[in-house]
């Protein structure tokens, strides 16, 4: 879960946390793009990370990590991107 989380101010909501994380990821480097969903979300391809806004009180982060990958993740493949997108879609539909 990205939101709610410790260290996030009371005035924050899930959407502002996702947008802030996206901005930080874009500053860190290339490979950040929109999730093809009807909600706010992005994939950070260098870390195999998907983050999405589910509803105002909930945002989640999904990360694929292959065996022996560093803790920050590994570059994403087309297959992993498709799997993360499918999982994110299912989460948004079920919890949104």
C-alpha atoms as a PDB file:
ATOM      1  CA  UNK A   1       0.000   0.000   0.000  1.00  0.00           C
ATOM      2  CA  UNK A   2       1.312   3.438  -0.925  1.00  0.00           C
ATOM      3  CA  UNK A   3      -1.520   5.286   0.788  1.00  0.00           C
ATOM      4  CA  UNK A   4      -2.470   5.359   3.604  1.00  0.00           C
ATOM      5  CA  UNK A   5       1.074   5.193   4.947  1.00  0.00           C
ATOM      6  CA  UNK A   6       3.228   6.445   7.779  1.00  0.00           C
ATOM      7  CA  UNK A   7       4.912   9.765   7.114  1.00  0.00           C
ATOM      8  CA  UNK A   8       2.194  11.071   4.791  1.00  0.00           C
ATOM      9  CA  UNK A   9       0.546  14.231   6.063  1.00  0.00           C
ATOM     10  CA  UNK A  10      -3.099  14.341   7.065  1.00  0.00           C
ATOM     11  CA  UNK A  11      -3.885  16.754   4.217  1.00  0.00           C
ATOM     12  CA  UNK A  12      -2.686  14.248   1.594  1.00  0.00           C
ATOM     13  CA  UNK A  13      -4.909  11.878  -0.325  1.00  0.00           C
ATOM     14  CA  UNK A  14      -4.114   8.859  -2.472  1.00  0.00           C
ATOM     15  CA  UNK A  15      -4.162  10.794  -5.749  1.00  0.00           C
ATOM     16  CA  UNK A  16      -1.687  13.419  -4.534  1.00  0.00           C
ATOM     17  CA  UNK A  17       0.642  10.663  -3.306  1.00  0.00           C
ATOM     18  CA  UNK A  18       0.572   8.872  -6.684  1.00  0.00           C
ATOM     19  CA  UNK A  19       1.184  12.123  -8.571  1.00  0.00           C
ATOM     20  CA  UNK A  20       4.065  13.039  -6.244  1.00  0.00           C
ATOM     21  CA  UNK A  21       5.629   9.598  -6.666  1.00  0.00           C
ATOM     22  CA  UNK A  22       5.281   9.880 -10.456  1.00  0.00           C
ATOM     23  CA  UNK A  23       7.033  13.259 -10.436  1.00  0.00           C
ATOM     24  CA  UNK A  24       9.869  11.866  -8.307  1.00  0.00           C
ATOM     25  CA  UNK A  25      10.244   8.875 -10.625  1.00  0.00           C
ATOM     26  CA  UNK A  26      10.408  11.160 -13.682  1.00  0.00           C
ATOM     27  CA  UNK A  27      13.114  13.243 -12.031  1.00  0.00           C
ATOM     28  CA  UNK A  28      15.092  10.079 -11.239  1.00  0.00           C
ATOM     29  CA  UNK A  29      15.268   9.038 -14.881  1.00  0.00           C
ATOM     30  CA  UNK A  30      13.506   7.987 -18.075  1.00  0.00           C
ATOM     31  CA  UNK A  31      11.077   5.122 -18.447  1.00  0.00           C
ATOM     32  CA  UNK A  32       8.023   6.443 -16.594  1.00  0.00           C
ATOM     33  CA  UNK A  33       4.747   6.136 -18.451  1.00  0.00           C
ATOM     34  CA  UNK A  34       0.999   6.047 -17.849  1.00  0.00           C
ATOM     35  CA  UNK A  35      -0.825   2.863 -16.993  1.00  0.00           C
ATOM     36  CA  UNK A  36      -3.511   2.336 -19.653  1.00  0.00           C
ATOM     37  CA  UNK A  37      -6.344   2.482 -17.105  1.00  0.00           C
ATOM     38  CA  UNK A  38      -9.273   4.767 -16.354  1.00  0.00           C
ATOM     39  CA  UNK A  39      -7.534   5.910 -13.173  1.00  0.00           C
ATOM     40  CA  UNK A  40      -4.282   7.675 -12.317  1.00  0.00           C
ATOM     41  CA  UNK A  41      -1.285   5.396 -12.366  1.00  0.00           C
ATOM     42  CA  UNK A  42       2.129   4.871 -13.860  1.00  0.00           C
ATOM     43  CA  UNK A  43       4.800   2.282 -14.573  1.00  0.00           C
ATOM     44  CA  UNK A  44       8.422   2.960 -13.740  1.00  0.00           C
ATOM     45  CA  UNK A  45      10.101   0.592 -16.176  1.00  0.00           C
ATOM     46  CA  UNK A  46      13.607   0.731 -14.686  1.00  0.00           C
ATOM     47  CA  UNK A  47      12.276  -0.676 -11.402  1.00  0.00           C
ATOM     48  CA  UNK A  48       9.446  -2.914 -12.712  1.00  0.00           C
ATOM     49  CA  UNK A  49       7.080  -0.899 -10.560  1.00  0.00           C
ATOM     50  CA  UNK A  50       3.433  -0.031 -11.118  1.00  0.00           C
ATOM     51  CA  UNK A  51       1.639   2.427  -8.863  1.00  0.00           C
ATOM     52  CA  UNK A  52      -2.025   3.303  -9.091  1.00  0.00           C
ATOM     53  CA  UNK A  53      -4.735   5.379  -7.496  1.00  0.00           C
ATOM     54  CA  UNK A  54      -7.617   3.113  -6.498  1.00  0.00           C
ATOM     55  CA  UNK A  55      -9.848   5.544  -4.600  1.00  0.00           C
ATOM     56  CA  UNK A  56      -9.290   8.702  -2.504  1.00  0.00           C
ATOM     57  CA  UNK A  57      -8.238   6.682   0.543  1.00  0.00           C
ATOM     58  CA  UNK A  58      -6.189   3.970  -1.229  1.00  0.00           C
ATOM     59  CA  UNK A  59      -3.234   3.775  -3.597  1.00  0.00           C
ATOM     60  CA  UNK A  60      -1.150   0.665  -4.226  1.00  0.00           C
ATOM     61  CA  UNK A  61       2.237  -0.182  -5.622  1.00  0.00           C
ATOM     62  CA  UNK A  62       3.100  -3.429  -7.404  1.00  0.00           C
ATOM     63  CA  UNK A  63       6.657  -4.510  -8.114  1.00  0.00           C
ATOM     64  CA  UNK A  64       7.944  -7.498 -10.008  1.00  0.00           C
ATOM     65  CA  UNK A  65      11.362  -8.648  -8.924  1.00  0.00           C
ATOM     66  CA  UNK A  66      13.152 -11.537 -10.628  1.00  0.00           C
ATOM     67  CA  UNK A  67      15.313 -13.964  -8.694  1.00  0.00           C
ATOM     68  CA  UNK A  68      18.650 -12.352  -7.743  1.00  0.00           C
ATOM     69  CA  UNK A  69      17.503  -8.865  -8.766  1.00  0.00           C
ATOM     70  CA  UNK A  70      18.577  -5.899  -6.641  1.00  0.00           C
ATOM     71  CA  UNK A  71      16.060  -4.701  -4.025  1.00  0.00           C
ATOM     72  CA  UNK A  72      15.043  -1.717  -6.173  1.00  0.00           C
ATOM     73  CA  UNK A  73      13.861  -4.053  -8.949  1.00  0.00           C
ATOM     74  CA  UNK A  74      15.033  -4.785 -12.451  1.00  0.00           C
ATOM     75  CA  UNK A  75      14.224  -3.393 -15.903  1.00  0.00           C
ATOM     76  CA  UNK A  76      10.790  -4.360 -17.143  1.00  0.00           C
ATOM     77  CA  UNK A  77      10.036  -6.628 -20.079  1.00  0.00           C
ATOM     78  CA  UNK A  78       6.948  -6.449 -22.303  1.00  0.00           C
ATOM     79  CA  UNK A  79       5.602  -9.622 -20.667  1.00  0.00           C
ATOM     80  CA  UNK A  80       6.047  -8.235 -17.152  1.00  0.00           C
ATOM     81  CA  UNK A  81       4.524  -4.901 -18.173  1.00  0.00           C
ATOM     82  CA  UNK A  82       1.450  -6.712 -19.485  1.00  0.00           C
ATOM     83  CA  UNK A  83       1.165  -8.744 -16.271  1.00  0.00           C
ATOM     84  CA  UNK A  84       1.512  -5.674 -14.031  1.00  0.00           C
ATOM     85  CA  UNK A  85      -1.078  -3.817 -16.114  1.00  0.00           C
ATOM     86  CA  UNK A  86      -3.527  -6.736 -15.862  1.00  0.00           C
ATOM     87  CA  UNK A  87      -3.019  -6.986 -12.114  1.00  0.00           C
ATOM     88  CA  UNK A  88      -3.420  -3.225 -11.670  1.00  0.00           C
ATOM     89  CA  UNK A  89      -6.631  -3.331 -13.724  1.00  0.00           C
ATOM     90  CA  UNK A  90      -8.021  -6.132 -11.557  1.00  0.00           C
ATOM     91  CA  UNK A  91      -7.152  -4.301  -8.343  1.00  0.00           C
ATOM     92  CA  UNK A  92      -8.759  -1.068  -9.561  1.00  0.00           C
ATOM     93  CA  UNK A  93     -11.937  -2.920 -10.580  1.00  0.00           C
ATOM     94  CA  UNK A  94     -12.236  -4.915  -7.348  1.00  0.00           C
ATOM     95  CA  UNK A  95     -11.290  -2.238  -4.837  1.00  0.00           C
ATOM     96  CA  UNK A  96     -12.251   0.952  -6.648  1.00  0.00           C
END
